[in-house]
Amino acid sequence: MRDNHLEQIERWAHFVKNNPNKWKKEHTEFINALFEKHDQFRARLLKTPEGKKKMIELYNIKNKEGYDFLK
């Protein structure tokens, strides 16, 4: 594992240990931001020519009917 990555993990573990009530909110905000960015990316991609085709290839989608955004 990269040293820098290991240092980040250790800093996060230290933060969690020393801030039992604070870390959950920060972690939740981080995860929610990831989902929001993904939704924004998907929306922008689907607006482009061939966007649906690119999405199918990117995520290796086999069952197109199972995804509302591909209909």
PDB file of N, CA and C in Angstrom:
ATOM      1  N   MET A   1       0.850  -1.176   0.000  1.00  0.00           N
ATOM      2  CA  MET A   1       0.000   0.000   0.000  1.00  0.00           C
ATOM      3  C   MET A   1       0.898   1.242   0.000  1.00  0.00           C
ATOM      4  N   ARG A   2       0.482   2.241  -0.704  1.00  0.00           N
ATOM      5  CA  ARG A   2       1.265   3.472  -0.753  1.00  0.00           C
ATOM      6  C   ARG A   2       1.356   4.088   0.636  1.00  0.00           C
ATOM      7  N   ASP A   3       2.522   4.660   0.954  1.00  0.00           N
ATOM      8  CA  ASP A   3       2.711   5.284   2.263  1.00  0.00           C
ATOM      9  C   ASP A   3       1.702   6.391   2.508  1.00  0.00           C
ATOM     10  N   ASN A   4       1.490   7.231   1.499  1.00  0.00           N
ATOM     11  CA  ASN A   4       0.559   8.334   1.640  1.00  0.00           C
ATOM     12  C   ASN A   4      -0.855   7.827   1.930  1.00  0.00           C
ATOM     13  N   HIS A   5      -1.249   6.763   1.261  1.00  0.00           N
ATOM     14  CA  HIS A   5      -2.580   6.197   1.464  1.00  0.00           C
ATOM     15  C   HIS A   5      -2.689   5.634   2.882  1.00  0.00           C
ATOM     16  N   LEU A   6      -1.671   4.938   3.323  1.00  0.00           N
ATOM     17  CA  LEU A   6      -1.662   4.377   4.672  1.00  0.00           C
ATOM     18  C   LEU A   6      -1.726   5.487   5.714  1.00  0.00           C
ATOM     19  N   GLU A   7      -1.031   6.579   5.464  1.00  0.00           N
ATOM     20  CA  GLU A   7      -1.084   7.724   6.379  1.00  0.00           C
ATOM     21  C   GLU A   7      -2.500   8.294   6.441  1.00  0.00           C
ATOM     22  N   GLN A   8      -3.162   8.378   5.310  1.00  0.00           N
ATOM     23  CA  GLN A   8      -4.532   8.893   5.289  1.00  0.00           C
ATOM     24  C   GLN A   8      -5.459   7.981   6.095  1.00  0.00           C
ATOM     25  N   ILE A   9      -5.286   6.689   5.946  1.00  0.00           N
ATOM     26  CA  ILE A   9      -6.106   5.730   6.692  1.00  0.00           C
ATOM     27  C   ILE A   9      -5.857   5.877   8.188  1.00  0.00           C
ATOM     28  N   GLU A  10      -4.597   6.016   8.564  1.00  0.00           N
ATOM     29  CA  GLU A  10      -4.264   6.171   9.978  1.00  0.00           C
ATOM     30  C   GLU A  10      -4.838   7.471  10.541  1.00  0.00           C
ATOM     31  N   ARG A  11      -4.765   8.559   9.765  1.00  0.00           N
ATOM     32  CA  ARG A  11      -5.341   9.834  10.220  1.00  0.00           C
ATOM     33  C   ARG A  11      -6.851   9.700  10.407  1.00  0.00           C
ATOM     34  N   TRP A  12      -7.515   9.031   9.473  1.00  0.00           N
ATOM     35  CA  TRP A  12      -8.956   8.856   9.571  1.00  0.00           C
ATOM     36  C   TRP A  12      -9.298   7.993  10.786  1.00  0.00           C
ATOM     37  N   ALA A  13      -8.569   6.902  10.989  1.00  0.00           N
ATOM     38  CA  ALA A  13      -8.821   6.035  12.150  1.00  0.00           C
ATOM     39  C   ALA A  13      -8.623   6.812  13.447  1.00  0.00           C
ATOM     40  N   HIS A  14      -7.606   7.631  13.513  1.00  0.00           N
ATOM     41  CA  HIS A  14      -7.349   8.463  14.690  1.00  0.00           C
ATOM     42  C   HIS A  14      -8.510   9.445  14.887  1.00  0.00           C
ATOM     43  N   PHE A  15      -8.969  10.076  13.816  1.00  0.00           N
ATOM     44  CA  PHE A  15     -10.075  11.020  13.887  1.00  0.00           C
ATOM     45  C   PHE A  15     -11.338  10.332  14.394  1.00  0.00           C
ATOM     46  N   VAL A  16     -11.641   9.151  13.862  1.00  0.00           N
ATOM     47  CA  VAL A  16     -12.837   8.404  14.272  1.00  0.00           C
ATOM     48  C   VAL A  16     -12.752   8.050  15.752  1.00  0.00           C
ATOM     49  N   LYS A  17     -11.595   7.574  16.162  1.00  0.00           N
ATOM     50  CA  LYS A  17     -11.411   7.167  17.553  1.00  0.00           C
ATOM     51  C   LYS A  17     -11.579   8.351  18.507  1.00  0.00           C
ATOM     52  N   ASN A  18     -11.062   9.505  18.131  1.00  0.00           N
ATOM     53  CA  ASN A  18     -11.064  10.663  19.021  1.00  0.00           C
ATOM     54  C   ASN A  18     -12.294  11.562  18.861  1.00  0.00           C
ATOM     55  N   ASN A  19     -13.134  11.284  17.869  1.00  0.00           N
ATOM     56  CA  ASN A  19     -14.332  12.102  17.618  1.00  0.00           C
ATOM     57  C   ASN A  19     -15.539  11.211  17.343  1.00  0.00           C
ATOM     58  N   PRO A  20     -15.951  10.425  18.341  1.00  0.00           N
ATOM     59  CA  PRO A  20     -17.012   9.443  18.087  1.00  0.00           C
ATOM     60  C   PRO A  20     -18.343  10.046  17.648  1.00  0.00           C
ATOM     61  N   ASN A  21     -18.609  11.287  17.983  1.00  0.00           N
ATOM     62  CA  ASN A  21     -19.877  11.899  17.606  1.00  0.00           C
ATOM     63  C   ASN A  21     -19.775  12.763  16.357  1.00  0.00           C
ATOM     64  N   LYS A  22     -18.571  13.142  15.998  1.00  0.00           N
ATOM     65  CA  LYS A  22     -18.376  14.065  14.878  1.00  0.00           C
ATOM     66  C   LYS A  22     -18.129  13.354  13.548  1.00  0.00           C
ATOM     67  N   TRP A  23     -17.451  12.207  13.562  1.00  0.00           N
ATOM     68  CA  TRP A  23     -17.018  11.574  12.317  1.00  0.00           C
ATOM     69  C   TRP A  23     -18.185  11.084  11.464  1.00  0.00           C
ATOM     70  N   LYS A  24     -19.262  10.651  12.097  1.00  0.00           N
ATOM     71  CA  LYS A  24     -20.391  10.092  11.336  1.00  0.00           C
ATOM     72  C   LYS A  24     -21.003  11.141  10.408  1.00  0.00           C
ATOM     73  N   LYS A  25     -21.147  12.364  10.909  1.00  0.00           N
ATOM     74  CA  LYS A  25     -21.723  13.425  10.086  1.00  0.00           C
ATOM     75  C   LYS A  25     -20.815  13.716   8.887  1.00  0.00           C
ATOM     76  N   GLU A  26     -19.513  13.830   9.137  1.00  0.00           N
ATOM     77  CA  GLU A  26     -18.578  14.106   8.041  1.00  0.00           C
ATOM     78  C   GLU A  26     -18.556  12.974   7.032  1.00  0.00           C
ATOM     79  N   HIS A  27     -18.588  11.745   7.521  1.00  0.00           N
ATOM     80  CA  HIS A  27     -18.577  10.582   6.637  1.00  0.00           C
ATOM     81  C   HIS A  27     -19.848  10.538   5.796  1.00  0.00           C
ATOM     82  N   THR A  28     -20.986  10.805   6.422  1.00  0.00           N
ATOM     83  CA  THR A  28     -22.266  10.817   5.709  1.00  0.00           C
ATOM     84  C   THR A  28     -22.265  11.886   4.624  1.00  0.00           C
ATOM     85  N   GLU A  29     -21.770  13.075   4.947  1.00  0.00           N
ATOM     86  CA  GLU A  29     -21.709  14.148   3.952  1.00  0.00           C
ATOM     87  C   GLU A  29     -20.812  13.758   2.781  1.00  0.00           C
ATOM     88  N   PHE A  30     -19.688  13.110   3.070  1.00  0.00           N
ATOM     89  CA  PHE A  30     -18.765  12.665   2.027  1.00  0.00           C
ATOM     90  C   PHE A  30     -19.436  11.647   1.109  1.00  0.00           C
ATOM     91  N   ILE A  31     -20.061  10.641   1.692  1.00  0.00           N
ATOM     92  CA  ILE A  31     -20.722   9.595   0.895  1.00  0.00           C
ATOM     93  C   ILE A  31     -21.861  10.189   0.071  1.00  0.00           C
ATOM     94  N   ASN A  32     -22.650  11.061   0.686  1.00  0.00           N
ATOM     95  CA  ASN A  32     -23.749  11.695  -0.046  1.00  0.00           C
ATOM     96  C   ASN A  32     -23.227  12.528  -1.210  1.00  0.00           C
ATOM     97  N   ALA A  33     -22.097  13.204  -1.018  1.00  0.00           N
ATOM     98  CA  ALA A  33     -21.503  14.001  -2.096  1.00  0.00           C
ATOM     99  C   ALA A  33     -21.060  13.100  -3.247  1.00  0.00           C
ATOM    100  N   LEU A  34     -20.527  11.922  -2.932  1.00  0.00           N
ATOM    101  CA  LEU A  34     -20.139  10.975  -3.990  1.00  0.00           C
ATOM    102  C   LEU A  34     -21.347  10.571  -4.833  1.00  0.00           C
ATOM    103  N   PHE A  35     -22.448  10.241  -4.161  1.00  0.00           N
ATOM    104  CA  PHE A  35     -23.661   9.867  -4.887  1.00  0.00           C
ATOM    105  C   PHE A  35     -24.177  11.028  -5.727  1.00  0.00           C
ATOM    106  N   GLU A  36     -24.147  12.242  -5.173  1.00  0.00           N
ATOM    107  CA  GLU A  36     -24.618  13.415  -5.904  1.00  0.00           C
ATOM    108  C   GLU A  36     -23.771  13.656  -7.152  1.00  0.00           C
ATOM    109  N   LYS A  37     -22.452  13.557  -7.012  1.00  0.00           N
ATOM    110  CA  LYS A  37     -21.564  13.754  -8.172  1.00  0.00           C
ATOM    111  C   LYS A  37     -21.829  12.686  -9.229  1.00  0.00           C
ATOM    112  N   HIS A  38     -22.073  11.460  -8.796  1.00  0.00           N
ATOM    113  CA  HIS A  38     -22.368  10.387  -9.746  1.00  0.00           C
ATOM    114  C   HIS A  38     -23.656  10.685 -10.498  1.00  0.00           C
ATOM    115  N   ASP A  39     -24.681  11.126  -9.769  1.00  0.00           N
ATOM    116  CA  ASP A  39     -25.951  11.456 -10.419  1.00  0.00           C
ATOM    117  C   ASP A  39     -25.773  12.596 -11.422  1.00  0.00           C
ATOM    118  N   GLN A  40     -24.970  13.596 -11.057  1.00  0.00           N
ATOM    119  CA  GLN A  40     -24.717  14.710 -11.973  1.00  0.00           C
ATOM    120  C   GLN A  40     -23.969  14.244 -13.216  1.00  0.00           C
ATOM    121  N   PHE A  41     -22.977  13.378 -13.018  1.00  0.00           N
ATOM    122  CA  PHE A  41     -22.219  12.836 -14.152  1.00  0.00           C
ATOM    123  C   PHE A  41     -23.140  12.060 -15.087  1.00  0.00           C
ATOM    124  N   ARG A  42     -23.968  11.201 -14.495  1.00  0.00           N
ATOM    125  CA  ARG A  42     -24.881  10.380 -15.303  1.00  0.00           C
ATOM    126  C   ARG A  42     -25.838  11.269 -16.101  1.00  0.00           C
ATOM    127  N   ALA A  43     -26.371  12.294 -15.466  1.00  0.00           N
ATOM    128  CA  ALA A  43     -27.297  13.195 -16.157  1.00  0.00           C
ATOM    129  C   ALA A  43     -26.603  13.898 -17.320  1.00  0.00           C
ATOM    130  N   ARG A  44     -25.370  14.374 -17.095  1.00  0.00           N
ATOM    131  CA  ARG A  44     -24.631  15.051 -18.179  1.00  0.00           C
ATOM    132  C   ARG A  44     -24.315  14.081 -19.304  1.00  0.00           C
ATOM    133  N   LEU A  45     -23.897  12.878 -18.958  1.00  0.00           N
ATOM    134  CA  LEU A  45     -23.553  11.884 -19.970  1.00  0.00           C
ATOM    135  C   LEU A  45     -24.770  11.516 -20.805  1.00  0.00           C
ATOM    136  N   LEU A  46     -25.916  11.330 -20.157  1.00  0.00           N
ATOM    137  CA  LEU A  46     -27.117  10.933 -20.883  1.00  0.00           C
ATOM    138  C   LEU A  46     -27.626  12.025 -21.813  1.00  0.00           C
ATOM    139  N   LYS A  47     -27.227  13.266 -21.599  1.00  0.00           N
ATOM    140  CA  LYS A  47     -27.627  14.362 -22.484  1.00  0.00           C
ATOM    141  C   LYS A  47     -26.775  14.436 -23.747  1.00  0.00           C
ATOM    142  N   THR A  48     -25.665  13.732 -23.768  1.00  0.00           N
ATOM    143  CA  THR A  48     -24.763  13.778 -24.915  1.00  0.00           C
ATOM    144  C   THR A  48     -25.231  12.812 -25.994  1.00  0.00           C
ATOM    145  N   PRO A  49     -24.806  13.062 -27.228  1.00  0.00           N
ATOM    146  CA  PRO A  49     -25.097  12.081 -28.285  1.00  0.00           C
ATOM    147  C   PRO A  49     -24.452  10.744 -27.907  1.00  0.00           C
ATOM    148  N   GLU A  50     -25.148   9.702 -28.098  1.00  0.00           N
ATOM    149  CA  GLU A  50     -24.646   8.364 -27.769  1.00  0.00           C
ATOM    150  C   GLU A  50     -24.475   8.164 -26.261  1.00  0.00           C
ATOM    151  N   GLY A  51     -25.087   9.035 -25.454  1.00  0.00           N
ATOM    152  CA  GLY A  51     -24.935   8.954 -23.995  1.00  0.00           C
ATOM    153  C   GLY A  51     -25.418   7.642 -23.414  1.00  0.00           C
ATOM    154  N   LYS A  52     -26.586   7.193 -23.879  1.00  0.00           N
ATOM    155  CA  LYS A  52     -27.114   5.917 -23.377  1.00  0.00           C
ATOM    156  C   LYS A  52     -26.183   4.766 -23.742  1.00  0.00           C
ATOM    157  N   LYS A  53     -25.680   4.795 -24.971  1.00  0.00           N
ATOM    158  CA  LYS A  53     -24.769   3.741 -25.418  1.00  0.00           C
ATOM    159  C   LYS A  53     -23.499   3.742 -24.571  1.00  0.00           C
ATOM    160  N   LYS A  54     -22.963   4.934 -24.304  1.00  0.00           N
ATOM    161  CA  LYS A  54     -21.760   5.040 -23.476  1.00  0.00           C
ATOM    162  C   LYS A  54     -22.015   4.524 -22.065  1.00  0.00           C
ATOM    163  N   MET A  55     -23.182   4.841 -21.513  1.00  0.00           N
ATOM    164  CA  MET A  55     -23.521   4.384 -20.168  1.00  0.00           C
ATOM    165  C   MET A  55     -23.596   2.861 -20.117  1.00  0.00           C
ATOM    166  N   ILE A  56     -24.200   2.272 -21.131  1.00  0.00           N
ATOM    167  CA  ILE A  56     -24.317   0.815 -21.202  1.00  0.00           C
ATOM    168  C   ILE A  56     -22.928   0.175 -21.258  1.00  0.00           C
ATOM    169  N   GLU A  57     -22.047   0.754 -22.054  1.00  0.00           N
ATOM    170  CA  GLU A  57     -20.682   0.224 -22.164  1.00  0.00           C
ATOM    171  C   GLU A  57     -19.890   0.448 -20.879  1.00  0.00           C
ATOM    172  N   LEU A  58     -20.012   1.631 -20.321  1.00  0.00           N
ATOM    173  CA  LEU A  58     -19.257   1.990 -19.121  1.00  0.00           C
ATOM    174  C   LEU A  58     -19.577   1.064 -17.957  1.00  0.00           C
ATOM    175  N   TYR A  59     -20.859   0.769 -17.775  1.00  0.00           N
ATOM    176  CA  TYR A  59     -21.283  -0.061 -16.651  1.00  0.00           C
ATOM    177  C   TYR A  59     -21.549  -1.517 -17.038  1.00  0.00           C
ATOM    178  N   ASN A  60     -21.241  -1.859 -18.293  1.00  0.00           N
ATOM    179  CA  ASN A  60     -21.414  -3.227 -18.779  1.00  0.00           C
ATOM    180  C   ASN A  60     -22.837  -3.728 -18.493  1.00  0.00           C
ATOM    181  N   ILE A  61     -23.814  -2.920 -18.855  1.00  0.00           N
ATOM    182  CA  ILE A  61     -25.217  -3.229 -18.584  1.00  0.00           C
ATOM    183  C   ILE A  61     -25.731  -4.236 -19.602  1.00  0.00           C
ATOM    184  N   LYS A  62     -26.316  -5.298 -19.108  1.00  0.00           N
ATOM    185  CA  LYS A  62     -26.876  -6.340 -19.969  1.00  0.00           C
ATOM    186  C   LYS A  62     -28.398  -6.232 -20.061  1.00  0.00           C
ATOM    187  N   ASN A  63     -29.046  -5.839 -18.958  1.00  0.00           N
ATOM    188  CA  ASN A  63     -30.498  -5.764 -18.894  1.00  0.00           C
ATOM    189  C   ASN A  63     -30.936  -4.306 -18.933  1.00  0.00           C
ATOM    190  N   LYS A  64     -31.047  -3.751 -20.122  1.00  0.00           N
ATOM    191  CA  LYS A  64     -31.390  -2.327 -20.277  1.00  0.00           C
ATOM    192  C   LYS A  64     -32.765  -1.999 -19.719  1.00  0.00           C
ATOM    193  N   GLU A  65     -33.670  -2.958 -19.729  1.00  0.00           N
ATOM    194  CA  GLU A  65     -35.019  -2.707 -19.219  1.00  0.00           C
ATOM    195  C   GLU A  65     -35.018  -2.517 -17.704  1.00  0.00           C
ATOM    196  N   GLY A  66     -33.963  -2.924 -17.040  1.00  0.00           N
ATOM    197  CA  GLY A  66     -33.884  -2.806 -15.583  1.00  0.00           C
ATOM    198  C   GLY A  66     -33.446  -1.423 -15.112  1.00  0.00           C
ATOM    199  N   TYR A  67     -33.194  -0.513 -16.041  1.00  0.00           N
ATOM    200  CA  TYR A  67     -32.715   0.819 -15.699  1.00  0.00           C
ATOM    201  C   TYR A  67     -33.647   1.867 -16.303  1.00  0.00           C
ATOM    202  N   ASP A  68     -34.344   2.576 -15.435  1.00  0.00           N
ATOM    203  CA  ASP A  68     -35.296   3.590 -15.906  1.00  0.00           C
ATOM    204  C   ASP A  68     -34.635   4.640 -16.784  1.00  0.00           C
ATOM    205  N   PHE A  69     -33.411   5.034 -16.457  1.00  0.00           N
ATOM    206  CA  PHE A  69     -32.766   6.099 -17.207  1.00  0.00           C
ATOM    207  C   PHE A  69     -32.324   5.668 -18.596  1.00  0.00           C
ATOM    208  N   LEU A  70     -32.431   4.392 -18.922  1.00  0.00           N
ATOM    209  CA  LEU A  70     -32.065   3.912 -20.264  1.00  0.00           C
ATOM    210  C   LEU A  70     -33.300   3.691 -21.143  1.00  0.00           C
ATOM    211  N   LYS A  71     -34.460   3.915 -20.602  1.00  0.00           N
ATOM    212  CA  LYS A  71     -35.694   3.688 -21.384  1.00  0.00           C
ATOM    213  C   LYS A  71     -36.023   4.909 -22.202  1.00  0.00           C
TER     214      LYS A  71
END
